[in-house]
Protein backbone atom coordinates (compact mmCIF):
# COMPACT_ATOMS: atom_id res chain seq x y z
CA MET A 1 -34.38 16.68 6.08
CA ALA A 2 -33.90 20.30 4.96
CA GLY A 3 -30.93 19.32 2.83
CA LEU A 4 -32.89 16.57 1.12
CA THR A 5 -35.98 18.65 0.45
CA GLY A 6 -34.22 21.78 -0.80
CA ASP A 7 -35.11 23.85 2.25
CA GLY A 8 -32.07 26.09 2.53
CA THR A 9 -33.82 28.53 4.87
CA THR A 10 -34.36 25.88 7.52
CA ALA A 11 -30.87 24.44 7.05
CA ARG A 12 -29.33 27.90 7.47
CA SER A 13 -31.37 28.60 10.62
CA LEU A 14 -30.17 25.32 12.13
CA ALA A 15 -26.51 26.17 11.46
CA CYS A 16 -26.68 28.34 14.61
CA ASP A 17 -28.47 25.79 16.81
CA ALA A 18 -27.27 25.25 20.37
CA ASP A 19 -26.80 21.52 19.71
CA PRO A 20 -23.47 20.85 17.97
CA THR A 21 -24.81 17.77 16.22
CA VAL A 22 -27.57 19.88 14.68
CA ARG A 23 -25.03 22.53 13.60
CA ALA A 24 -22.83 19.87 11.98
CA THR A 25 -25.80 18.34 10.19
CA ALA A 26 -26.92 21.79 9.01
CA LEU A 27 -23.47 22.35 7.48
CA ALA A 28 -23.83 19.12 5.53
CA ALA A 29 -27.34 20.09 4.44
CA LEU A 30 -26.16 23.48 3.21
CA ASP A 31 -23.32 21.83 1.36
CA ARG A 32 -25.70 19.36 -0.28
CA LEU A 33 -27.83 22.30 -1.38
CA GLY A 34 -24.82 24.16 -2.77
CA GLN A 35 -25.44 27.00 -0.30
CA LEU A 36 -22.40 26.61 1.95
CA GLY A 37 -19.68 29.20 1.53
CA ASP A 38 -15.98 28.71 2.17
CA ASP A 39 -16.18 31.41 4.85
CA GLU A 40 -18.81 29.35 6.69
CA VAL A 41 -16.60 26.27 6.56
CA GLU A 42 -13.67 28.30 7.91
CA ALA A 43 -15.86 29.64 10.72
CA ALA A 44 -17.01 26.12 11.55
CA LEU A 45 -13.37 25.01 11.85
CA ALA A 46 -13.21 27.35 14.87
CA ASP A 47 -16.49 26.17 16.42
CA GLY A 48 -16.46 25.29 20.11
CA SER A 49 -17.55 21.74 19.36
CA ALA A 50 -15.27 19.07 17.93
CA VAL A 51 -18.31 17.53 16.21
CA VAL A 52 -18.77 20.69 14.13
CA ARG A 53 -15.03 21.14 13.52
CA ARG A 54 -14.75 17.56 12.29
CA ARG A 55 -17.67 18.01 9.88
CA ALA A 56 -16.13 21.25 8.62
CA ALA A 57 -12.78 19.52 8.07
CA ALA A 58 -14.52 16.81 6.04
CA LEU A 59 -16.37 19.38 3.95
CA ALA A 60 -13.11 21.25 3.33
CA ALA A 61 -11.80 18.28 1.34
CA TRP A 62 -13.46 19.69 -1.77
CA ARG A 63 -12.81 23.34 -0.93
CA PRO A 64 -9.16 24.10 -1.72
CA ALA A 65 -9.55 27.75 -0.69
CA VAL A 66 -10.22 26.66 2.91
CA GLY A 67 -6.96 26.31 4.82
CA LEU A 68 -6.76 23.30 7.09
CA ALA A 69 -3.69 24.24 9.13
CA VAL A 70 -5.81 25.16 12.15
CA ALA A 71 -7.67 21.83 11.98
CA LEU A 72 -4.40 19.90 11.77
CA ASP A 73 -3.44 21.50 15.08
CA ASP A 74 -6.81 20.88 16.75
CA PRO A 75 -6.79 19.48 20.32
CA GLU A 76 -9.27 16.76 19.26
CA PRO A 77 -7.52 13.89 17.42
CA LEU A 78 -10.58 13.01 15.34
CA VAL A 79 -10.61 16.53 13.92
CA VAL A 80 -6.90 16.24 13.05
CA GLU A 81 -7.43 12.82 11.47
CA THR A 82 -10.31 14.12 9.36
CA ALA A 83 -8.36 17.21 8.32
CA ALA A 84 -5.43 15.04 7.26
CA TRP A 85 -7.75 12.84 5.21
CA ALA A 86 -9.22 15.97 3.60
CA CYS A 87 -5.72 17.13 2.61
CA GLY A 88 -5.14 13.86 0.81
CA GLU A 89 -8.35 14.31 -1.16
CA ARG A 90 -7.36 17.72 -2.50
CA SER A 91 -5.53 18.42 -5.73
CA ALA A 92 -3.53 21.23 -4.08
CA THR A 93 -2.55 22.26 -0.57
CA ASP A 94 -1.50 25.70 0.65
CA ALA A 95 1.90 26.14 2.32
CA ALA A 96 0.61 26.51 5.89
CA THR A 97 -1.55 23.41 5.57
CA PHE A 98 1.33 21.43 4.07
CA GLU A 99 3.63 22.43 6.94
CA ALA A 100 0.97 21.49 9.51
CA LEU A 101 0.44 18.16 7.75
CA VAL A 102 4.17 17.38 7.85
CA ALA A 103 4.24 18.29 11.56
CA ALA A 104 1.26 16.03 12.30
CA ALA A 105 2.86 13.15 10.40
CA GLY A 106 6.08 13.54 12.31
CA ASP A 107 5.12 14.17 15.88
CA HIS A 108 1.39 14.06 16.61
CA PRO A 109 0.86 12.12 19.86
CA ASP A 110 -2.07 10.12 18.41
CA PRO A 111 -0.98 7.40 15.97
CA ARG A 112 -4.25 7.68 14.02
CA CYS A 113 -3.35 11.27 13.22
CA ARG A 114 0.19 10.36 12.18
CA GLU A 115 -1.19 7.58 9.99
CA ALA A 116 -3.73 9.84 8.27
CA ALA A 117 -1.16 12.60 7.78
CA VAL A 118 1.37 10.20 6.27
CA ALA A 119 -1.28 8.83 3.92
CA ALA A 120 -2.18 12.36 2.82
CA LEU A 121 1.46 13.23 2.22
CA GLY A 122 1.80 10.16 0.02
CA ALA A 123 -1.29 11.21 -1.93
CA ILE A 124 0.16 14.70 -2.36
CA GLY A 125 3.50 13.26 -3.48
CA ASP A 126 5.59 16.35 -2.66
CA ALA A 127 9.29 15.52 -2.27
CA ARG A 128 9.53 17.86 0.72
CA ALA A 129 7.58 15.25 2.71
CA LEU A 130 9.87 12.32 1.90
CA ASP A 131 11.93 12.56 5.11
CA VAL A 132 8.89 12.46 7.38
CA ILE A 133 7.39 9.57 5.39
CA LEU A 134 10.67 7.64 5.63
CA ALA A 135 10.76 8.28 9.39
CA ALA A 136 7.20 6.97 9.66
CA THR A 137 8.34 3.62 8.26
CA ARG A 138 9.78 3.07 11.77
CA ASP A 139 6.60 4.03 13.67
CA ARG A 140 3.79 1.77 14.94
CA PRO A 141 2.56 -0.99 12.59
CA ALA A 142 -0.46 0.89 11.18
CA VAL A 143 1.65 4.00 10.59
CA ARG A 144 4.46 1.91 9.06
CA ARG A 145 2.02 0.25 6.68
CA ARG A 146 0.61 3.60 5.61
CA ALA A 147 4.12 5.06 5.26
CA VAL A 148 5.19 2.22 2.99
CA SER A 149 2.20 2.86 0.76
CA ALA A 150 2.93 6.60 0.86
CA LEU A 151 6.34 5.90 -0.69
CA ALA A 152 4.69 4.95 -4.00
CA PRO A 153 5.27 8.30 -5.76
CA PHE A 154 8.92 8.47 -4.68
CA ALA A 155 12.14 6.86 -5.89
CA GLY A 156 15.75 6.75 -4.81
CA PRO A 157 18.16 4.73 -2.70
CA GLU A 158 16.59 5.79 0.61
CA VAL A 159 13.17 4.67 -0.65
CA ASP A 160 14.62 1.36 -1.85
CA ALA A 161 16.26 0.82 1.56
CA ALA A 162 13.01 1.58 3.40
CA LEU A 163 11.08 -0.84 1.18
CA ALA A 164 13.72 -3.56 1.66
CA ARG A 165 13.47 -3.11 5.44
CA ALA A 166 9.66 -3.15 5.23
CA ARG A 167 9.70 -6.44 3.33
CA GLN A 168 11.30 -7.91 6.47
CA ASP A 169 8.97 -6.17 8.95
CA ARG A 170 7.50 -8.22 11.79
CA ASP A 171 3.99 -7.05 10.79
CA TRP A 172 2.57 -8.99 7.84
CA GLN A 173 0.56 -6.00 6.57
CA VAL A 174 3.70 -3.86 6.40
CA ARG A 175 5.46 -6.67 4.53
CA GLN A 176 2.51 -6.98 2.14
CA ALA A 177 2.42 -3.23 1.47
CA ALA A 178 6.13 -3.33 0.61
CA GLU A 179 5.62 -6.32 -1.68
CA ASP A 180 2.74 -4.55 -3.39
CA LEU A 181 5.09 -1.69 -4.33
CA SER A 182 7.80 -3.99 -5.66
């Protein structure tokens, strides 16, 4: 309510609440009020609660000065997935975050995290990510589908070969994604 009524004092006081859900909501309220600093988002990325870290990762999507490398290496998969999504929403990514994103796309144990990281790498369109995106075209169906879509900004014989293989994939959504790029 504080974020909707312009009550920054209350929102700020709740940012230190014992309840992680309240802290996460207070972050969003402060952001809505334009009173949330990048340093507060960075601090929230190190919070003891995954609920708060996930909210901070989401808020970092529009804060390019906030590095997300730590969130991409979080023990909680939903934090990693959110951080990867946030990377894809940004216009620029720092080197450490980019490296962490490539690592998550290539070898994160949770397929949701690999899928989100591959999607973000496609949105970024940096050629240094092409190898990991191509490798992801051989992952689980949801990751393969996302990897095929992530190939959109790239060209070359290896991309053509991956798209040709995807057009023959056993999963219809992977096939459709490949057809959509043709």
